[in-house]
PDB file of all heavy atoms in Angstrom:
ATOM      1  N   GLU A   1      22.390  -2.190   3.169  1.00  0.00           N
ATOM      2  CA  GLU A   1      21.099  -2.832   3.406  1.00  0.00           C
ATOM      3  C   GLU A   1      20.200  -1.970   4.277  1.00  0.00           C
ATOM      4  O   GLU A   1      20.647  -1.327   5.227  1.00  0.00           O
ATOM      5  CB  GLU A   1      21.297  -4.195   4.071  1.00  0.00           C
ATOM      6  CG  GLU A   1      20.012  -4.986   4.221  1.00  0.00           C
ATOM      7  CD  GLU A   1      20.217  -6.399   4.734  1.00  0.00           C
ATOM      8  OE1 GLU A   1      21.323  -6.693   5.234  1.00  0.00           O
ATOM      9  OE2 GLU A   1      19.276  -7.205   4.621  1.00  0.00           O
ATOM     10  N   ILE A   2      18.902  -1.978   3.953  1.00  0.00           N
ATOM     11  CA  ILE A   2      17.883  -1.319   4.755  1.00  0.00           C
ATOM     12  C   ILE A   2      16.763  -2.315   5.013  1.00  0.00           C
ATOM     13  O   ILE A   2      16.476  -3.162   4.172  1.00  0.00           O
ATOM     14  CB  ILE A   2      17.339  -0.049   4.056  1.00  0.00           C
ATOM     15  CG1 ILE A   2      16.367   0.701   4.968  1.00  0.00           C
ATOM     16  CG2 ILE A   2      16.681  -0.390   2.723  1.00  0.00           C
ATOM     17  CD1 ILE A   2      15.931   2.052   4.423  1.00  0.00           C
ATOM     18  N   LYS A   3      16.156  -2.237   6.194  1.00  0.00           N
ATOM     19  CA  LYS A   3      15.002  -3.081   6.521  1.00  0.00           C
ATOM     20  C   LYS A   3      13.839  -2.154   6.864  1.00  0.00           C
ATOM     21  O   LYS A   3      13.971  -1.294   7.735  1.00  0.00           O
ATOM     22  CB  LYS A   3      15.313  -4.016   7.692  1.00  0.00           C
ATOM     23  CG  LYS A   3      16.382  -5.054   7.367  1.00  0.00           C
ATOM     24  CD  LYS A   3      16.592  -6.019   8.509  1.00  0.00           C
ATOM     25  CE  LYS A   3      17.679  -7.051   8.189  1.00  0.00           C
ATOM     26  NZ  LYS A   3      17.294  -7.951   7.090  1.00  0.00           N
ATOM     27  N   VAL A   4      12.739  -2.329   6.169  1.00  0.00           N
ATOM     28  CA  VAL A   4      11.564  -1.485   6.375  1.00  0.00           C
ATOM     29  C   VAL A   4      10.406  -2.349   6.864  1.00  0.00           C
ATOM     30  O   VAL A   4      10.401  -3.567   6.681  1.00  0.00           O
ATOM     31  CB  VAL A   4      11.179  -0.747   5.074  1.00  0.00           C
ATOM     32  CG1 VAL A   4      12.234   0.287   4.704  1.00  0.00           C
ATOM     33  CG2 VAL A   4      10.972  -1.727   3.921  1.00  0.00           C
ATOM     34  N   PRO A   5       9.392  -1.728   7.517  1.00  0.00           N
ATOM     35  CA  PRO A   5       8.286  -2.504   8.087  1.00  0.00           C
ATOM     36  C   PRO A   5       7.465  -3.233   7.029  1.00  0.00           C
ATOM     37  O   PRO A   5       7.392  -2.822   5.872  1.00  0.00           O
ATOM     38  CB  PRO A   5       7.434  -1.446   8.796  1.00  0.00           C
ATOM     39  CG  PRO A   5       8.347  -0.281   9.016  1.00  0.00           C
ATOM     40  CD  PRO A   5       9.299  -0.291   7.862  1.00  0.00           C
ATOM     41  N   VAL A   6       6.818  -4.297   7.466  1.00  0.00           N
ATOM     42  CA  VAL A   6       5.899  -5.035   6.601  1.00  0.00           C
ATOM     43  C   VAL A   6       4.592  -4.259   6.441  1.00  0.00           C
ATOM     44  O   VAL A   6       3.918  -4.377   5.415  1.00  0.00           O
ATOM     45  CB  VAL A   6       5.645  -6.442   7.183  1.00  0.00           C
ATOM     46  CG1 VAL A   6       4.536  -7.162   6.427  1.00  0.00           C
ATOM     47  CG2 VAL A   6       6.916  -7.280   7.140  1.00  0.00           C
ATOM     48  N   VAL A   7       4.215  -3.463   7.435  1.00  0.00           N
ATOM     49  CA  VAL A   7       2.959  -2.719   7.423  1.00  0.00           C
ATOM     50  C   VAL A   7       3.253  -1.229   7.256  1.00  0.00           C
ATOM     51  O   VAL A   7       4.146  -0.681   7.925  1.00  0.00           O
ATOM     52  CB  VAL A   7       2.166  -2.957   8.720  1.00  0.00           C
ATOM     53  CG1 VAL A   7       0.886  -2.116   8.742  1.00  0.00           C
ATOM     54  CG2 VAL A   7       1.824  -4.429   8.875  1.00  0.00           C
ATOM     55  N   GLU A   8       2.527  -0.584   6.360  1.00  0.00           N
ATOM     56  CA  GLU A   8       2.656   0.857   6.148  1.00  0.00           C
ATOM     57  C   GLU A   8       1.260   1.480   6.099  1.00  0.00           C
ATOM     58  O   GLU A   8       0.252   0.774   5.962  1.00  0.00           O
ATOM     59  CB  GLU A   8       3.377   1.148   4.817  1.00  0.00           C
ATOM     60  CG  GLU A   8       4.805   0.648   4.731  1.00  0.00           C
ATOM     61  CD  GLU A   8       5.821   1.596   5.347  1.00  0.00           C
ATOM     62  OE1 GLU A   8       5.407   2.683   5.844  1.00  0.00           O
ATOM     63  OE2 GLU A   8       7.028   1.267   5.335  1.00  0.00           O
ATOM     64  N   ARG A   9       1.187   2.790   6.195  1.00  0.00           N
ATOM     65  CA  ARG A   9      -0.081   3.483   6.022  1.00  0.00           C
ATOM     66  C   ARG A   9      -0.563   3.292   4.586  1.00  0.00           C
ATOM     67  O   ARG A   9       0.215   3.397   3.635  1.00  0.00           O
ATOM     68  CB  ARG A   9       0.068   4.966   6.345  1.00  0.00           C
ATOM     69  CG  ARG A   9       0.450   5.242   7.790  1.00  0.00           C
ATOM     70  CD  ARG A   9       0.529   6.726   8.074  1.00  0.00           C
ATOM     71  NE  ARG A   9       1.023   6.969   9.407  1.00  0.00           N
ATOM     72  CZ  ARG A   9       0.283   6.941  10.515  1.00  0.00           C
ATOM     73  NH1 ARG A   9      -1.024   6.694  10.409  1.00  0.00           N
ATOM     74  NH2 ARG A   9       0.819   7.174  11.684  1.00  0.00           N
ATOM     75  N   THR A  10      -1.849   3.059   4.430  1.00  0.00           N
ATOM     76  CA  THR A  10      -2.415   2.782   3.109  1.00  0.00           C
ATOM     77  C   THR A  10      -2.142   3.914   2.134  1.00  0.00           C
ATOM     78  O   THR A  10      -1.901   3.684   0.939  1.00  0.00           O
ATOM     79  CB  THR A  10      -3.922   2.533   3.231  1.00  0.00           C
ATOM     80  OG1 THR A  10      -4.144   1.443   4.147  1.00  0.00           O
ATOM     81  CG2 THR A  10      -4.543   2.192   1.885  1.00  0.00           C
ATOM     82  N   GLU A  11      -2.184   5.157   2.618  1.00  0.00           N
ATOM     83  CA  GLU A  11      -2.001   6.305   1.728  1.00  0.00           C
ATOM     84  C   GLU A  11      -0.651   6.277   1.026  1.00  0.00           C
ATOM     85  O   GLU A  11      -0.508   6.815  -0.082  1.00  0.00           O
ATOM     86  CB  GLU A  11      -2.155   7.613   2.496  1.00  0.00           C
ATOM     87  CG  GLU A  11      -1.098   7.832   3.568  1.00  0.00           C
ATOM     88  CD  GLU A  11      -1.249   9.166   4.280  1.00  0.00           C
ATOM     89  OE1 GLU A  11      -1.605  10.145   3.609  1.00  0.00           O
ATOM     90  OE2 GLU A  11      -0.997   9.209   5.493  1.00  0.00           O
ATOM     91  N   LEU A  12       0.360   5.651   1.636  1.00  0.00           N
ATOM     92  CA  LEU A  12       1.673   5.568   0.999  1.00  0.00           C
ATOM     93  C   LEU A  12       1.557   4.887  -0.359  1.00  0.00           C
ATOM     94  O   LEU A  12       2.121   5.356  -1.363  1.00  0.00           O
ATOM     95  CB  LEU A  12       2.652   4.809   1.893  1.00  0.00           C
ATOM     96  CG  LEU A  12       4.014   4.476   1.266  1.00  0.00           C
ATOM     97  CD1 LEU A  12       4.804   5.753   0.981  1.00  0.00           C
ATOM     98  CD2 LEU A  12       4.812   3.543   2.164  1.00  0.00           C
ATOM     99  N   PHE A  13       0.831   3.785  -0.423  1.00  0.00           N
ATOM    100  CA  PHE A  13       0.732   3.038  -1.675  1.00  0.00           C
ATOM    101  C   PHE A  13      -0.286   3.662  -2.624  1.00  0.00           C
ATOM    102  O   PHE A  13      -0.104   3.617  -3.843  1.00  0.00           O
ATOM    103  CB  PHE A  13       0.378   1.581  -1.374  1.00  0.00           C
ATOM    104  CG  PHE A  13       1.379   0.913  -0.475  1.00  0.00           C
ATOM    105  CD1 PHE A  13       1.051   0.577   0.828  1.00  0.00           C
ATOM    106  CD2 PHE A  13       2.670   0.678  -0.911  1.00  0.00           C
ATOM    107  CE1 PHE A  13       1.979  -0.022   1.664  1.00  0.00           C
ATOM    108  CE2 PHE A  13       3.615   0.082  -0.081  1.00  0.00           C
ATOM    109  CZ  PHE A  13       3.265  -0.261   1.213  1.00  0.00           C
ATOM    110  N   ALA A  14      -1.350   4.258  -2.085  1.00  0.00           N
ATOM    111  CA  ALA A  14      -2.323   4.936  -2.954  1.00  0.00           C
ATOM    112  C   ALA A  14      -1.655   6.094  -3.675  1.00  0.00           C
ATOM    113  O   ALA A  14      -1.914   6.336  -4.860  1.00  0.00           O
ATOM    114  CB  ALA A  14      -3.508   5.427  -2.124  1.00  0.00           C
ATOM    115  N   ARG A  15      -0.769   6.824  -2.988  1.00  0.00           N
ATOM    116  CA  ARG A  15      -0.099   7.971  -3.595  1.00  0.00           C
ATOM    117  C   ARG A  15       1.030   7.557  -4.519  1.00  0.00           C
ATOM    118  O   ARG A  15       1.280   8.203  -5.537  1.00  0.00           O
ATOM    119  CB  ARG A  15       0.445   8.898  -2.498  1.00  0.00           C
ATOM    120  CG  ARG A  15      -0.631   9.617  -1.706  1.00  0.00           C
ATOM    121  CD  ARG A  15      -0.040  10.381  -0.540  1.00  0.00           C
ATOM    122  NE  ARG A  15       0.883  11.423  -0.976  1.00  0.00           N
ATOM    123  CZ  ARG A  15       1.589  12.175  -0.131  1.00  0.00           C
ATOM    124  NH1 ARG A  15       1.481  11.991   1.176  1.00  0.00           N
ATOM    125  NH2 ARG A  15       2.398  13.105  -0.593  1.00  0.00           N
ATOM    126  N   SER A  16       1.744   6.484  -4.183  1.00  0.00           N
ATOM    127  CA  SER A  16       2.929   6.113  -4.964  1.00  0.00           C
ATOM    128  C   SER A  16       2.592   5.197  -6.134  1.00  0.00           C
ATOM    129  O   SER A  16       2.988   5.459  -7.274  1.00  0.00           O
ATOM    130  CB  SER A  16       3.958   5.435  -4.059  1.00  0.00           C
ATOM    131  OG  SER A  16       3.434   4.239  -3.492  1.00  0.00           O
ATOM    132  N   ILE A  17       1.853   4.134  -5.872  1.00  0.00           N
ATOM    133  CA  ILE A  17       1.552   3.163  -6.918  1.00  0.00           C
ATOM    134  C   ILE A  17       0.523   3.715  -7.891  1.00  0.00           C
ATOM    135  O   ILE A  17       0.600   3.485  -9.097  1.00  0.00           O
ATOM    136  CB  ILE A  17       1.053   1.840  -6.286  1.00  0.00           C
ATOM    137  CG1 ILE A  17       2.161   1.217  -5.434  1.00  0.00           C
ATOM    138  CG2 ILE A  17       0.611   0.867  -7.361  1.00  0.00           C
ATOM    139  CD1 ILE A  17       1.710  -0.010  -4.665  1.00  0.00           C
ATOM    140  N   GLY A  18      -0.447   4.451  -7.370  1.00  0.00           N
ATOM    141  CA  GLY A  18      -1.499   5.006  -8.220  1.00  0.00           C
ATOM    142  C   GLY A  18      -2.841   4.396  -7.885  1.00  0.00           C
ATOM    143  O   GLY A  18      -2.990   3.170  -7.872  1.00  0.00           O
ATOM    144  N   GLU A  19      -3.834   5.231  -7.583  1.00  0.00           N
ATOM    145  CA  GLU A  19      -5.138   4.731  -7.157  1.00  0.00           C
ATOM    146  C   GLU A  19      -5.853   3.957  -8.258  1.00  0.00           C
ATOM    147  O   GLU A  19      -6.746   3.157  -7.982  1.00  0.00           O
ATOM    148  CB  GLU A  19      -6.004   5.899  -6.680  1.00  0.00           C
ATOM    149  CG  GLU A  19      -5.466   6.545  -5.405  1.00  0.00           C
ATOM    150  CD  GLU A  19      -6.409   7.596  -4.852  1.00  0.00           C
ATOM    151  OE1 GLU A  19      -7.493   7.770  -5.442  1.00  0.00           O
ATOM    152  OE2 GLU A  19      -6.062   8.227  -3.853  1.00  0.00           O
ATOM    153  N   ALA A  20      -5.487   4.187  -9.529  1.00  0.00           N
ATOM    154  CA  ALA A  20      -6.166   3.507 -10.636  1.00  0.00           C
ATOM    155  C   ALA A  20      -5.504   2.187 -11.008  1.00  0.00           C
ATOM    156  O   ALA A  20      -5.939   1.522 -11.939  1.00  0.00           O
ATOM    157  CB  ALA A  20      -6.206   4.424 -11.860  1.00  0.00           C
ATOM    158  N   THR A  21      -4.456   1.793 -10.305  1.00  0.00           N
ATOM    159  CA  THR A  21      -3.788   0.534 -10.635  1.00  0.00           C
ATOM    160  C   THR A  21      -4.544  -0.643 -10.038  1.00  0.00           C
ATOM    161  O   THR A  21      -5.266  -0.511  -9.041  1.00  0.00           O
ATOM    162  CB  THR A  21      -2.346   0.525 -10.091  1.00  0.00           C
ATOM    163  OG1 THR A  21      -2.387   0.666  -8.664  1.00  0.00           O
ATOM    164  CG2 THR A  21      -1.541   1.667 -10.683  1.00  0.00           C
ATOM    165  N   ASP A  22      -4.352  -1.825 -10.632  1.00  0.00           N
ATOM    166  CA  ASP A  22      -4.991  -3.027 -10.106  1.00  0.00           C
ATOM    167  C   ASP A  22      -4.533  -3.314  -8.684  1.00  0.00           C
ATOM    168  O   ASP A  22      -5.299  -3.828  -7.864  1.00  0.00           O
ATOM    169  CB  ASP A  22      -4.660  -4.227 -10.998  1.00  0.00           C
ATOM    170  CG  ASP A  22      -5.455  -4.218 -12.290  1.00  0.00           C
ATOM    171  OD1 ASP A  22      -6.331  -3.349 -12.435  1.00  0.00           O
ATOM    172  OD2 ASP A  22      -5.179  -5.064 -13.156  1.00  0.00           O
ATOM    173  N   ILE A  23      -3.265  -3.007  -8.384  1.00  0.00           N
ATOM    174  CA  ILE A  23      -2.737  -3.299  -7.055  1.00  0.00           C
ATOM    175  C   ILE A  23      -3.553  -2.575  -5.992  1.00  0.00           C
ATOM    176  O   ILE A  23      -4.004  -3.164  -5.011  1.00  0.00           O
ATOM    177  CB  ILE A  23      -1.253  -2.910  -6.965  1.00  0.00           C
ATOM    178  CG1 ILE A  23      -0.411  -3.784  -7.895  1.00  0.00           C
ATOM    179  CG2 ILE A  23      -0.743  -3.045  -5.526  1.00  0.00           C
ATOM    180  CD1 ILE A  23       1.034  -3.373  -7.977  1.00  0.00           C
ATOM    181  N   VAL A  24      -3.744  -1.278  -6.175  1.00  0.00           N
ATOM    182  CA  VAL A  24      -4.471  -0.487  -5.179  1.00  0.00           C
ATOM    183  C   VAL A  24      -5.960  -0.810  -5.217  1.00  0.00           C
ATOM    184  O   VAL A  24      -6.625  -0.916  -4.177  1.00  0.00           O
ATOM    185  CB  VAL A  24      -4.228   1.016  -5.398  1.00  0.00           C
ATOM    186  CG1 VAL A  24      -5.127   1.855  -4.496  1.00  0.00           C
ATOM    187  CG2 VAL A  24      -2.759   1.354  -5.143  1.00  0.00           C
ATOM    188  N   GLU A  25      -6.528  -0.981  -6.405  1.00  0.00           N
ATOM    189  CA  GLU A  25      -7.967  -1.204  -6.514  1.00  0.00           C
ATOM    190  C   GLU A  25      -8.403  -2.575  -6.026  1.00  0.00           C
ATOM    191  O   GLU A  25      -9.456  -2.728  -5.416  1.00  0.00           O
ATOM    192  CB  GLU A  25      -8.402  -1.038  -7.977  1.00  0.00           C
ATOM    193  CG  GLU A  25      -8.430   0.400  -8.466  1.00  0.00           C
ATOM    194  CD  GLU A  25      -8.985   0.508  -9.873  1.00  0.00           C
ATOM    195  OE1 GLU A  25      -9.039  -0.516 -10.569  1.00  0.00           O
ATOM    196  OE2 GLU A  25      -9.373   1.610 -10.267  1.00  0.00           O
ATOM    197  N   LYS A  26      -7.596  -3.627  -6.298  1.00  0.00           N
ATOM    198  CA  LYS A  26      -8.088  -4.984  -6.084  1.00  0.00           C
ATOM    199  C   LYS A  26      -7.164  -5.901  -5.290  1.00  0.00           C
ATOM    200  O   LYS A  26      -7.616  -6.939  -4.815  1.00  0.00           O
ATOM    201  CB  LYS A  26      -8.351  -5.652  -7.452  1.00  0.00           C
ATOM    202  CG  LYS A  26      -9.368  -4.926  -8.310  1.00  0.00           C
ATOM    203  CD  LYS A  26      -9.743  -5.736  -9.536  1.00  0.00           C
ATOM    204  CE  LYS A  26      -8.558  -5.970 -10.454  1.00  0.00           C
ATOM    205  NZ  LYS A  26      -8.943  -6.675 -11.698  1.00  0.00           N
ATOM    206  N   GLU A  27      -5.879  -5.565  -5.128  1.00  0.00           N
ATOM    207  CA  GLU A  27      -4.931  -6.566  -4.664  1.00  0.00           C
ATOM    208  C   GLU A  27      -4.323  -6.308  -3.293  1.00  0.00           C
ATOM    209  O   GLU A  27      -3.647  -7.181  -2.765  1.00  0.00           O
ATOM    210  CB  GLU A  27      -3.796  -6.709  -5.691  1.00  0.00           C
ATOM    211  CG  GLU A  27      -4.267  -7.204  -7.049  1.00  0.00           C
ATOM    212  CD  GLU A  27      -3.158  -7.232  -8.087  1.00  0.00           C
ATOM    213  OE1 GLU A  27      -2.014  -6.886  -7.729  1.00  0.00           O
ATOM    214  OE2 GLU A  27      -3.437  -7.574  -9.237  1.00  0.00           O
ATOM    215  N   MET A  28      -4.536  -5.154  -2.685  1.00  0.00           N
ATOM    216  CA  MET A  28      -3.861  -4.862  -1.426  1.00  0.00           C
ATOM    217  C   MET A  28      -4.601  -5.489  -0.242  1.00  0.00           C
ATOM    218  O   MET A  28      -5.825  -5.535  -0.210  1.00  0.00           O
ATOM    219  CB  MET A  28      -3.716  -3.359  -1.214  1.00  0.00           C
ATOM    220  CG  MET A  28      -2.813  -2.697  -2.216  1.00  0.00           C
ATOM    221  SD  MET A  28      -2.119  -1.108  -1.688  1.00  0.00           S
ATOM    222  CE  MET A  28      -3.557  -0.224  -1.109  1.00  0.00           C
ATOM    223  N   TYR A  29      -3.825  -5.956   0.724  1.00  0.00           N
ATOM    224  CA  TYR A  29      -4.362  -6.408   2.002  1.00  0.00           C
ATOM    225  C   TYR A  29      -4.422  -5.203   2.935  1.00  0.00           C
ATOM    226  O   TYR A  29      -3.406  -4.793   3.507  1.00  0.00           O
ATOM    227  CB  TYR A  29      -3.483  -7.502   2.597  1.00  0.00           C
ATOM    228  CG  TYR A  29      -3.690  -8.864   1.972  1.00  0.00           C
ATOM    229  CD1 TYR A  29      -2.935  -9.264   0.875  1.00  0.00           C
ATOM    230  CD2 TYR A  29      -4.634  -9.748   2.482  1.00  0.00           C
ATOM    231  CE1 TYR A  29      -3.117 -10.516   0.300  1.00  0.00           C
ATOM    232  CE2 TYR A  29      -4.821 -11.001   1.912  1.00  0.00           C
ATOM    233  CZ  TYR A  29      -4.064 -11.374   0.827  1.00  0.00           C
ATOM    234  OH  TYR A  29      -4.259 -12.611   0.262  1.00  0.00           O
ATOM    235  N   THR A  30      -5.601  -4.621   3.063  1.00  0.00           N
ATOM    236  CA  THR A  30      -5.782  -3.386   3.821  1.00  0.00           C
ATOM    237  C   THR A  30      -6.750  -3.624   4.977  1.00  0.00           C
ATOM    238  O   THR A  30      -7.746  -4.339   4.819  1.00  0.00           O
ATOM    239  CB  THR A  30      -6.313  -2.274   2.898  1.00  0.00           C
ATOM    240  OG1 THR A  30      -5.338  -2.016   1.885  1.00  0.00           O
ATOM    241  CG2 THR A  30      -6.580  -0.987   3.665  1.00  0.00           C
ATOM    242  N   PHE A  31      -6.450  -3.038   6.115  1.00  0.00           N
ATOM    243  CA  PHE A  31      -7.302  -3.204   7.298  1.00  0.00           C
ATOM    244  C   PHE A  31      -7.181  -1.954   8.169  1.00  0.00           C
ATOM    245  O   PHE A  31      -6.283  -1.129   7.975  1.00  0.00           O
ATOM    246  CB  PHE A  31      -6.877  -4.441   8.093  1.00  0.00           C
ATOM    247  CG  PHE A  31      -5.440  -4.400   8.570  1.00  0.00           C
ATOM    248  CD1 PHE A  31      -5.127  -3.951   9.848  1.00  0.00           C
ATOM    249  CD2 PHE A  31      -4.403  -4.797   7.735  1.00  0.00           C
ATOM    250  CE1 PHE A  31      -3.809  -3.904  10.285  1.00  0.00           C
ATOM    251  CE2 PHE A  31      -3.074  -4.750   8.159  1.00  0.00           C
ATOM    252  CZ  PHE A  31      -2.781  -4.307   9.434  1.00  0.00           C
ATOM    253  N   ARG A  32      -8.076  -1.829   9.138  1.00  0.00           N
ATOM    254  CA  ARG A  32      -8.012  -0.715  10.083  1.00  0.00           C
ATOM    255  C   ARG A  32      -7.569  -1.233  11.440  1.00  0.00           C
ATOM    256  O   ARG A  32      -8.045  -2.272  11.897  1.00  0.00           O
ATOM    257  CB  ARG A  32      -9.365   0.000  10.186  1.00  0.00           C
ATOM    258  CG  ARG A  32      -9.722   0.739   8.895  1.00  0.00           C
ATOM    259  CD  ARG A  32     -10.831   1.748   9.087  1.00  0.00           C
ATOM    260  NE  ARG A  32     -11.065   2.466   7.833  1.00  0.00           N
ATOM    261  CZ  ARG A  32     -10.419   3.560   7.460  1.00  0.00           C
ATOM    262  NH1 ARG A  32      -9.483   4.086   8.272  1.00  0.00           N
ATOM    263  NH2 ARG A  32     -10.691   4.141   6.307  1.00  0.00           N
ATOM    264  N   ASP A  33      -6.661  -0.479  12.078  1.00  0.00           N
ATOM    265  CA  ASP A  33      -6.219  -0.878  13.404  1.00  0.00           C
ATOM    266  C   ASP A  33      -7.198  -0.357  14.454  1.00  0.00           C
ATOM    267  O   ASP A  33      -8.251   0.206  14.130  1.00  0.00           O
ATOM    268  CB  ASP A  33      -4.791  -0.403  13.661  1.00  0.00           C
ATOM    269  CG  ASP A  33      -4.670   1.115  13.723  1.00  0.00           C
ATOM    270  OD1 ASP A  33      -5.709   1.811  13.710  1.00  0.00           O
ATOM    271  OD2 ASP A  33      -3.527   1.613  13.802  1.00  0.00           O
TER     272      ASP A  33
END
C-alpha cells in the first residue's frame, strides 16, 4: 500500500493526463496557494 497527497502541483496532471482532455480543460479543482 502507498498513500499519496490529495493535493499535487497542477503541472503533474497537465503533463500526464493531457492538456486537451476534458479533465484538465474543464473538470479539475485548481487554485493558487
